[in-house]
PDB file of N, CA and C in Angstrom:
ATOM      1  N   MET A   1     -12.585-129.279 146.081  1.00  0.00           N
ATOM      2  CA  MET A   1     -13.856-128.143 145.644  1.00  0.00           C
ATOM      3  C   MET A   1     -13.467-127.401 146.671  1.00  0.00           C
ATOM      4  N   MET A   2     -14.003-125.694 146.268  1.00  0.00           N
ATOM      5  CA  MET A   2     -13.940-124.652 147.016  1.00  0.00           C
ATOM      6  C   MET A   2     -15.644-124.801 147.769  1.00  0.00           C
ATOM      7  N   TYR A   3     -15.477-123.883 148.617  1.00  0.00           N
ATOM      8  CA  TYR A   3     -17.199-123.544 149.165  1.00  0.00           C
ATOM      9  C   TYR A   3     -16.991-121.904 149.316  1.00  0.00           C
ATOM     10  N   HIS A   4     -18.234-121.673 149.281  1.00  0.00           N
ATOM     11  CA  HIS A   4     -18.810-119.928 149.488  1.00  0.00           C
ATOM     12  C   HIS A   4     -18.484-120.295 151.220  1.00  0.00           C
ATOM     13  N   GLU A   5     -18.191-118.802 151.449  1.00  0.00           N
ATOM     14  CA  GLU A   5     -18.579-118.569 153.207  1.00  0.00           C
ATOM     15  C   GLU A   5     -19.615-118.846 153.711  1.00  0.00           C
ATOM     16  N   GLY A   6     -20.747-118.460 152.699  1.00  0.00           N
ATOM     17  CA  GLY A   6     -21.897-118.814 153.319  1.00  0.00           C
ATOM     18  C   GLY A   6     -22.188-120.093 153.013  1.00  0.00           C
ATOM     19  N   GLN A   7     -21.970-121.075 152.366  1.00  0.00           N
ATOM     20  CA  GLN A   7     -21.926-122.562 152.000  1.00  0.00           C
ATOM     21  C   GLN A   7     -21.655-123.194 153.293  1.00  0.00           C
ATOM     22  N   THR A   8     -20.358-123.009 153.922  1.00  0.00           N
ATOM     23  CA  THR A   8     -19.825-123.749 154.475  1.00  0.00           C
ATOM     24  C   THR A   8     -20.417-123.115 155.902  1.00  0.00           C
ATOM     25  N   ALA A   9     -21.224-122.080 155.794  1.00  0.00           N
ATOM     26  CA  ALA A   9     -21.937-122.080 157.273  1.00  0.00           C
ATOM     27  C   ALA A   9     -23.052-122.448 157.360  1.00  0.00           C
ATOM     28  N   MET A  10     -23.491-122.844 155.899  1.00  0.00           N
ATOM     29  CA  MET A  10     -24.835-123.613 156.041  1.00  0.00           C
ATOM     30  C   MET A  10     -24.827-125.000 156.322  1.00  0.00           C
ATOM     31  N   LEU A  11     -23.440-125.074 156.024  1.00  0.00           N
ATOM     32  CA  LEU A  11     -22.981-127.138 155.932  1.00  0.00           C
ATOM     33  C   LEU A  11     -22.850-126.954 157.610  1.00  0.00           C
ATOM     34  N   ARG A  12     -22.053-125.854 158.256  1.00  0.00           N
ATOM     35  CA  ARG A  12     -21.997-126.654 159.559  1.00  0.00           C
ATOM     36  C   ARG A  12     -23.194-126.022 160.334  1.00  0.00           C
ATOM     37  N   LYS A  13     -24.188-125.820 160.031  1.00  0.00           N
ATOM     38  CA  LYS A  13     -25.481-125.203 160.462  1.00  0.00           C
ATOM     39  C   LYS A  13     -26.200-126.686 160.415  1.00  0.00           C
ATOM     40  N   LEU A  14     -26.100-127.539 159.358  1.00  0.00           N
ATOM     41  CA  LEU A  14     -27.356-128.399 158.746  1.00  0.00           C
ATOM     42  C   LEU A  14     -26.367-129.540 159.700  1.00  0.00           C
ATOM     43  N   GLN A  15     -24.945-129.897 159.252  1.00  0.00           N
ATOM     44  CA  GLN A  15     -24.262-130.734 160.890  1.00  0.00           C
ATOM     45  C   GLN A  15     -25.159-130.827 162.129  1.00  0.00           C
ATOM     46  N   ALA A  16     -24.871-129.583 162.745  1.00  0.00           N
ATOM     47  CA  ALA A  16     -25.685-129.023 163.760  1.00  0.00           C
ATOM     48  C   ALA A  16     -26.755-129.748 164.322  1.00  0.00           C
ATOM     49  N   LEU A  17     -28.136-129.283 163.407  1.00  0.00           N
ATOM     50  CA  LEU A  17     -28.847-129.885 163.179  1.00  0.00           C
ATOM     51  C   LEU A  17     -29.167-131.265 162.953  1.00  0.00           C
ATOM     52  N   GLU A  18     -28.738-131.991 162.373  1.00  0.00           N
ATOM     53  CA  GLU A  18     -28.583-133.299 161.972  1.00  0.00           C
ATOM     54  C   GLU A  18     -28.434-134.362 163.189  1.00  0.00           C
ATOM     55  N   PHE A  19     -26.780-133.634 164.404  1.00  0.00           N
ATOM     56  CA  PHE A  19     -26.700-134.099 165.278  1.00  0.00           C
ATOM     57  C   PHE A  19     -27.780-134.125 166.163  1.00  0.00           C
ATOM     58  N   ALA A  20     -28.202-133.030 166.570  1.00  0.00           N
ATOM     59  CA  ALA A  20     -29.358-133.057 167.559  1.00  0.00           C
ATOM     60  C   ALA A  20     -30.394-133.621 167.022  1.00  0.00           C
ATOM     61  N   ALA A  21     -31.262-133.705 165.600  1.00  0.00           N
ATOM     62  CA  ALA A  21     -32.013-134.916 165.574  1.00  0.00           C
ATOM     63  C   ALA A  21     -31.502-136.307 165.962  1.00  0.00           C
ATOM     64  N   ILE A  22     -30.405-136.690 165.325  1.00  0.00           N
ATOM     65  CA  ILE A  22     -30.066-138.091 166.035  1.00  0.00           C
ATOM     66  C   ILE A  22     -30.091-138.084 167.169  1.00  0.00           C
ATOM     67  N   GLU A  23     -29.780-137.545 168.155  1.00  0.00           N
ATOM     68  CA  GLU A  23     -29.721-137.630 169.468  1.00  0.00           C
ATOM     69  C   GLU A  23     -31.030-137.728 170.178  1.00  0.00           C
ATOM     70  N   LEU A  24     -32.495-136.734 169.229  1.00  0.00           N
ATOM     71  CA  LEU A  24     -33.295-136.510 169.475  1.00  0.00           C
ATOM     72  C   LEU A  24     -34.038-137.550 169.313  1.00  0.00           C
ATOM     73  N   THR A  25     -33.571-138.676 168.272  1.00  0.00           N
ATOM     74  CA  THR A  25     -34.006-139.830 167.533  1.00  0.00           C
ATOM     75  C   THR A  25     -33.848-140.803 168.875  1.00  0.00           C
ATOM     76  N   LEU A  26     -32.317-140.676 169.086  1.00  0.00           N
ATOM     77  CA  LEU A  26     -31.815-142.040 170.141  1.00  0.00           C
ATOM     78  C   LEU A  26     -32.828-141.839 171.204  1.00  0.00           C
ATOM     79  N   TYR A  27     -32.984-140.598 171.801  1.00  0.00           N
ATOM     80  CA  TYR A  27     -33.812-140.286 173.036  1.00  0.00           C
ATOM     81  C   TYR A  27     -35.158-140.693 173.267  1.00  0.00           C
ATOM     82  N   LEU A  28     -36.074-140.210 171.758  1.00  0.00           N
ATOM     83  CA  LEU A  28     -37.217-140.730 171.830  1.00  0.00           C
ATOM     84  C   LEU A  28     -37.265-142.292 171.535  1.00  0.00           C
ATOM     85  N   ASP A  29     -36.304-143.229 171.361  1.00  0.00           N
ATOM     86  CA  ASP A  29     -36.849-144.268 171.455  1.00  0.00           C
ATOM     87  C   ASP A  29     -36.728-145.489 172.487  1.00  0.00           C
ATOM     88  N   THR A  30     -36.303-144.614 173.624  1.00  0.00           N
ATOM     89  CA  THR A  30     -36.315-145.051 174.799  1.00  0.00           C
ATOM     90  C   THR A  30     -37.295-144.006 175.301  1.00  0.00           C
ATOM     91  N   HIS A  31     -37.723-143.032 175.230  1.00  0.00           N
ATOM     92  CA  HIS A  31     -38.886-142.586 176.186  1.00  0.00           C
ATOM     93  C   HIS A  31     -39.907-142.023 174.716  1.00  0.00           C
ATOM     94  N   PRO A  32     -40.846-142.911 174.322  1.00  0.00           N
ATOM     95  CA  PRO A  32     -41.467-142.434 172.889  1.00  0.00           C
ATOM     96  C   PRO A  32     -42.823-141.509 173.568  1.00  0.00           C
ATOM     97  N   TYR A  33     -43.061-141.382 174.834  1.00  0.00           N
ATOM     98  CA  TYR A  33     -44.231-140.270 175.468  1.00  0.00           C
ATOM     99  C   TYR A  33     -43.749-139.306 175.860  1.00  0.00           C
ATOM    100  N   ASP A  34     -42.216-138.885 175.559  1.00  0.00           N
ATOM    101  CA  ASP A  34     -41.978-137.536 176.509  1.00  0.00           C
ATOM    102  C   ASP A  34     -42.366-136.302 175.065  1.00  0.00           C
ATOM    103  N   ARG A  35     -43.380-135.649 175.465  1.00  0.00           N
ATOM    104  CA  ARG A  35     -43.960-134.874 174.820  1.00  0.00           C
ATOM    105  C   ARG A  35     -43.315-133.520 174.639  1.00  0.00           C
ATOM    106  N   THR A  36     -42.549-133.200 175.341  1.00  0.00           N
ATOM    107  CA  THR A  36     -41.270-131.950 174.981  1.00  0.00           C
ATOM    108  C   THR A  36     -40.403-132.452 174.110  1.00  0.00           C
ATOM    109  N   ALA A  37     -39.523-133.519 174.013  1.00  0.00           N
ATOM    110  CA  ALA A  37     -38.596-134.136 173.176  1.00  0.00           C
ATOM    111  C   ALA A  37     -39.532-134.365 172.033  1.00  0.00           C
ATOM    112  N   LEU A  38     -40.435-134.500 171.818  1.00  0.00           N
ATOM    113  CA  LEU A  38     -40.999-134.830 170.238  1.00  0.00           C
ATOM    114  C   LEU A  38     -41.531-133.830 169.682  1.00  0.00           C
ATOM    115  N   ARG A  39     -42.260-132.611 170.592  1.00  0.00           N
ATOM    116  CA  ARG A  39     -42.090-131.565 170.170  1.00  0.00           C
ATOM    117  C   ARG A  39     -40.789-130.748 169.712  1.00  0.00           C
ATOM    118  N   ASP A  40     -39.616-130.843 170.599  1.00  0.00           N
ATOM    119  CA  ASP A  40     -38.190-130.449 170.224  1.00  0.00           C
ATOM    120  C   ASP A  40     -38.234-130.771 168.765  1.00  0.00           C
ATOM    121  N   TYR A  41     -38.477-132.367 168.787  1.00  0.00           N
ATOM    122  CA  TYR A  41     -37.714-133.102 167.501  1.00  0.00           C
ATOM    123  C   TYR A  41     -38.476-132.547 165.883  1.00  0.00           C
ATOM    124  N   ASN A  42     -39.733-132.407 166.642  1.00  0.00           N
ATOM    125  CA  ASN A  42     -40.738-132.130 165.420  1.00  0.00           C
ATOM    126  C   ASN A  42     -40.329-130.698 164.974  1.00  0.00           C
ATOM    127  N   GLN A  43     -39.789-129.608 165.722  1.00  0.00           N
ATOM    128  CA  GLN A  43     -39.258-128.153 165.268  1.00  0.00           C
ATOM    129  C   GLN A  43     -38.162-128.314 164.919  1.00  0.00           C
ATOM    130  N   LEU A  44     -37.035-129.066 165.649  1.00  0.00           N
ATOM    131  CA  LEU A  44     -36.021-129.026 164.639  1.00  0.00           C
ATOM    132  C   LEU A  44     -35.915-129.977 163.293  1.00  0.00           C
ATOM    133  N   ALA A  45     -36.634-130.867 163.072  1.00  0.00           N
ATOM    134  CA  ALA A  45     -36.580-131.426 161.857  1.00  0.00           C
ATOM    135  C   ALA A  45     -37.655-130.577 161.129  1.00  0.00           C
ATOM    136  N   HIS A  46     -38.246-129.769 161.197  1.00  0.00           N
ATOM    137  CA  HIS A  46     -38.987-128.676 160.364  1.00  0.00           C
ATOM    138  C   HIS A  46     -37.720-128.007 159.976  1.00  0.00           C
ATOM    139  N   GLU A  47     -37.487-126.883 160.968  1.00  0.00           N
ATOM    140  CA  GLU A  47     -35.804-126.658 160.578  1.00  0.00           C
ATOM    141  C   GLU A  47     -34.894-126.680 159.668  1.00  0.00           C
ATOM    142  N   LEU A  48     -34.625-127.869 159.875  1.00  0.00           N
ATOM    143  CA  LEU A  48     -33.877-128.957 159.020  1.00  0.00           C
ATOM    144  C   LEU A  48     -34.434-129.307 157.246  1.00  0.00           C
ATOM    145  N   MET A  49     -35.157-129.297 157.572  1.00  0.00           N
ATOM    146  CA  MET A  49     -35.697-129.317 156.142  1.00  0.00           C
ATOM    147  C   MET A  49     -36.100-128.251 155.609  1.00  0.00           C
ATOM    148  N   GLU A  50     -36.197-127.026 156.148  1.00  0.00           N
ATOM    149  CA  GLU A  50     -35.957-125.755 155.460  1.00  0.00           C
ATOM    150  C   GLU A  50     -34.603-125.305 155.299  1.00  0.00           C
ATOM    151  N   LEU A  51     -33.516-125.703 156.307  1.00  0.00           N
ATOM    152  CA  LEU A  51     -32.316-125.691 155.654  1.00  0.00           C
ATOM    153  C   LEU A  51     -31.900-126.287 154.510  1.00  0.00           C
ATOM    154  N   LYS A  52     -32.345-127.471 154.204  1.00  0.00           N
ATOM    155  CA  LYS A  52     -31.699-128.424 153.471  1.00  0.00           C
ATOM    156  C   LYS A  52     -32.443-127.995 152.357  1.00  0.00           C
ATOM    157  N   LYS A  53     -33.766-127.691 152.052  1.00  0.00           N
ATOM    158  CA  LYS A  53     -34.180-126.913 151.096  1.00  0.00           C
ATOM    159  C   LYS A  53     -33.893-125.764 150.436  1.00  0.00           C
ATOM    160  N   ASN A  54     -33.466-124.611 151.430  1.00  0.00           N
ATOM    161  CA  ASN A  54     -32.748-123.432 151.094  1.00  0.00           C
ATOM    162  C   ASN A  54     -31.344-123.986 150.683  1.00  0.00           C
ATOM    163  N   TYR A  55     -30.953-124.596 151.365  1.00  0.00           N
ATOM    164  CA  TYR A  55     -29.226-125.133 150.795  1.00  0.00           C
ATOM    165  C   TYR A  55     -29.053-125.784 149.320  1.00  0.00           C
ATOM    166  N   SER A  56     -30.165-126.625 149.123  1.00  0.00           N
ATOM    167  CA  SER A  56     -30.439-127.418 147.862  1.00  0.00           C
ATOM    168  C   SER A  56     -30.654-126.483 147.063  1.00  0.00           C
ATOM    169  N   GLU A  57     -31.846-125.249 146.841  1.00  0.00           N
ATOM    170  CA  GLU A  57     -31.800-124.096 146.058  1.00  0.00           C
ATOM    171  C   GLU A  57     -30.625-123.379 145.370  1.00  0.00           C
ATOM    172  N   LYS A  58     -29.658-122.860 146.372  1.00  0.00           N
ATOM    173  CA  LYS A  58     -28.831-122.072 146.556  1.00  0.00           C
ATOM    174  C   LYS A  58     -27.397-122.908 145.794  1.00  0.00           C
ATOM    175  N   TYR A  59     -27.225-124.308 146.274  1.00  0.00           N
ATOM    176  CA  TYR A  59     -25.851-124.741 146.141  1.00  0.00           C
ATOM    177  C   TYR A  59     -26.095-126.426 145.641  1.00  0.00           C
ATOM    178  N   GLY A  60     -27.442-126.446 145.428  1.00  0.00           N
ATOM    179  CA  GLY A  60     -27.637-127.951 144.891  1.00  0.00           C
ATOM    180  C   GLY A  60     -28.000-129.406 146.014  1.00  0.00           C
ATOM    181  N   PRO A  61     -28.247-130.076 145.510  1.00  0.00           N
ATOM    182  CA  PRO A  61     -28.638-131.151 146.525  1.00  0.00           C
ATOM    183  C   PRO A  61     -27.694-132.132 147.404  1.00  0.00           C
ATOM    184  N   LEU A  62     -28.287-132.139 148.551  1.00  0.00           N
ATOM    185  CA  LEU A  62     -27.121-133.039 149.528  1.00  0.00           C
ATOM    186  C   LEU A  62     -27.176-134.483 149.691  1.00  0.00           C
ATOM    187  N   MET A  63     -28.507-134.500 149.316  1.00  0.00           N
ATOM    188  CA  MET A  63     -29.012-136.375 149.238  1.00  0.00           C
ATOM    189  C   MET A  63     -29.888-136.624 148.548  1.00  0.00           C
ATOM    190  N   ALA A  64     -30.378-138.061 148.295  1.00  0.00           N
ATOM    191  CA  ALA A  64     -31.493-138.343 147.615  1.00  0.00           C
ATOM    192  C   ALA A  64     -32.491-138.907 148.388  1.00  0.00           C
ATOM    193  N   TYR A  65     -32.352-138.569 149.415  1.00  0.00           N
ATOM    194  CA  TYR A  65     -33.657-139.034 150.008  1.00  0.00           C
ATOM    195  C   TYR A  65     -34.273-137.719 151.337  1.00  0.00           C
ATOM    196  N   GLY A  66     -35.426-138.000 151.700  1.00  0.00           N
ATOM    197  CA  GLY A  66     -35.757-137.285 152.500  1.00  0.00           C
ATOM    198  C   GLY A  66     -35.447-136.732 154.243  1.00  0.00           C
ATOM    199  N   PHE A  67     -35.953-136.039 154.832  1.00  0.00           N
ATOM    200  CA  PHE A  67     -36.149-136.000 156.572  1.00  0.00           C
ATOM    201  C   PHE A  67     -37.373-135.855 156.780  1.00  0.00           C
ATOM    202  N   ASP A  68     -38.054-136.752 157.650  1.00  0.00           N
ATOM    203  CA  ASP A  68     -39.733-136.482 157.750  1.00  0.00           C
ATOM    204  C   ASP A  68     -39.805-136.332 159.234  1.00  0.00           C
ATOM    205  N   PRO A  69     -40.700-135.357 159.512  1.00  0.00           N
ATOM    206  CA  PRO A  69     -40.882-135.175 160.830  1.00  0.00           C
ATOM    207  C   PRO A  69     -41.884-136.037 161.417  1.00  0.00           C
ATOM    208  N   ALA A  70     -41.939-136.398 162.490  1.00  0.00           N
ATOM    209  CA  ALA A  70     -42.557-137.374 163.106  1.00  0.00           C
ATOM    210  C   ALA A  70     -44.371-136.807 163.019  1.00  0.00           C
ATOM    211  N   GLN A  71     -45.138-137.657 162.502  1.00  0.00           N
ATOM    212  CA  GLN A  71     -46.639-137.632 162.885  1.00  0.00           C
ATOM    213  C   GLN A  71     -47.254-138.201 164.127  1.00  0.00           C
ATOM    214  N   GLY A  72     -47.890-137.564 164.817  1.00  0.00           N
ATOM    215  CA  GLY A  72     -48.329-138.303 166.171  1.00  0.00           C
ATOM    216  C   GLY A  72     -47.123-138.492 166.810  1.00  0.00           C
ATOM    217  N   ASP A  73     -47.539-139.865 167.804  1.00  0.00           N
ATOM    218  CA  ASP A  73     -46.563-139.948 168.728  1.00  0.00           C
ATOM    219  C   ASP A  73     -45.403-140.471 167.541  1.00  0.00           C
ATOM    220  N   TRP A  74     -44.190-141.305 168.822  1.00  0.00           N
ATOM    221  CA  TRP A  74     -43.485-141.967 168.170  1.00  0.00           C
ATOM    222  C   TRP A  74     -43.621-142.963 167.944  1.00  0.00           C
ATOM    223  N   LYS A  75     -43.474-143.683 166.745  1.00  0.00           N
ATOM    224  CA  LYS A  75     -43.893-144.915 166.089  1.00  0.00           C
ATOM    225  C   LYS A  75     -42.085-145.829 165.976  1.00  0.00           C
ATOM    226  N   TRP A  76     -41.803-145.389 165.649  1.00  0.00           N
ATOM    227  CA  TRP A  76     -39.814-146.210 165.161  1.00  0.00           C
ATOM    228  C   TRP A  76     -40.076-146.905 165.990  1.00  0.00           C
ATOM    229  N   ALA A  77     -40.097-146.924 167.839  1.00  0.00           N
ATOM    230  CA  ALA A  77     -39.555-148.357 168.550  1.00  0.00           C
ATOM    231  C   ALA A  77     -40.862-149.097 168.238  1.00  0.00           C
ATOM    232  N   GLU A  78     -41.812-148.633 167.971  1.00  0.00           N
ATOM    233  CA  GLU A  78     -43.036-149.648 168.096  1.00  0.00           C
ATOM    234  C   GLU A  78     -43.094-150.686 167.009  1.00  0.00           C
ATOM    235  N   GLU A  79     -42.452-150.077 165.878  1.00  0.00           N
ATOM    236  CA  GLU A  79     -42.518-150.798 164.580  1.00  0.00           C
ATOM    237  C   GLU A  79     -41.586-151.924 163.987  1.00  0.00           C
ATOM    238  N   PRO A  80     -41.574-152.881 163.314  1.00  0.00           N
ATOM    239  CA  PRO A  80     -40.456-154.023 162.838  1.00  0.00           C
ATOM    240  C   PRO A  80     -39.032-152.790 162.432  1.00  0.00           C
ATOM    241  N   TRP A  81     -38.190-153.228 162.605  1.00  0.00           N
ATOM    242  CA  TRP A  81     -36.723-152.472 162.310  1.00  0.00           C
ATOM    243  C   TRP A  81     -36.532-152.930 160.624  1.00  0.00           C
ATOM    244  N   PRO A  82     -36.088-151.961 159.793  1.00  0.00           N
ATOM    245  CA  PRO A  82     -35.825-152.385 158.649  1.00  0.00           C
ATOM    246  C   PRO A  82     -35.142-153.824 158.169  1.00  0.00           C
ATOM    247  N   TRP A  83     -34.332-154.450 159.138  1.00  0.00           N
ATOM    248  CA  TRP A  83     -33.607-155.709 159.019  1.00  0.00           C
ATOM    249  C   TRP A  83     -34.755-156.639 159.622  1.00  0.00           C
ATOM    250  N   GLU A  84     -35.755-156.381 160.178  1.00  0.00           N
ATOM    251  CA  GLU A  84     -36.706-157.491 160.863  1.00  0.00           C
ATOM    252  C   GLU A  84     -37.663-157.819 159.847  1.00  0.00           C
ATOM    253  N   MET A  85     -38.019-156.961 158.792  1.00  0.00           N
ATOM    254  CA  MET A  85     -39.303-157.201 158.079  1.00  0.00           C
ATOM    255  C   MET A  85     -38.685-158.090 156.731  1.00  0.00           C
ATOM    256  N   ASP A  86     -40.014-158.819 156.754  1.00  0.00           N
ATOM    257  CA  ASP A  86     -39.735-159.859 155.989  1.00  0.00           C
ATOM    258  C   ASP A  86     -40.430-159.443 154.575  1.00  0.00           C
ATOM    259  N   TYR A  87     -39.670-158.428 153.576  1.00  0.00           N
ATOM    260  CA  TYR A  87     -39.976-158.099 152.501  1.00  0.00           C
ATOM    261  C   TYR A  87     -40.862-158.954 151.257  1.00  0.00           C
ATOM    262  N   GLU A  88     -40.546-160.186 151.186  1.00  0.00           N
ATOM    263  CA  GLU A  88     -40.913-161.163 150.391  1.00  0.00           C
ATOM    264  C   GLU A  88     -42.431-161.714 150.612  1.00  0.00           C
ATOM    265  N   GLY A  89     -42.533-161.712 152.043  1.00  0.00           N
ATOM    266  CA  GLY A  89     -43.791-162.103 152.482  1.00  0.00           C
ATOM    267  C   GLY A  89     -44.507-161.029 153.211  1.00  0.00           C
ATOM    268  N   GLY A  90     -44.006-160.038 153.254  1.00  0.00           N
ATOM    269  CA  GLY A  90     -44.590-158.386 153.562  1.00  0.00           C
ATOM    270  C   GLY A  90     -44.919-158.958 155.392  1.00  0.00           C
ATOM    271  N   ARG A  91     -44.783-157.769 156.441  1.00  0.00           N
ATOM    272  CA  ARG A  91     -45.197-157.771 157.345  1.00  0.00           C
ATOM    273  C   ARG A  91     -45.221-156.499 158.260  1.00  0.00           C
TER     274      ARG A  91
END
């Protein structure tokens, strides 16, 4: 598959932003009250969502699911992990 020059640049930017988001996610899992990291994560998540939207409008979809910024405090580490949930009995 051939990519346009602008498309390749957008993909590289997406990869960089996604890498940074993953790193911040891992950091926040162990430092959930770091307000600077949470602010940086939310800013990065917003920028990433905008870039994904722009890419999708111009070149087509990237994935079948979204990327959500955190609301309030970082709750991911406080909630049951997906593999810990009892999907039949609810938890």
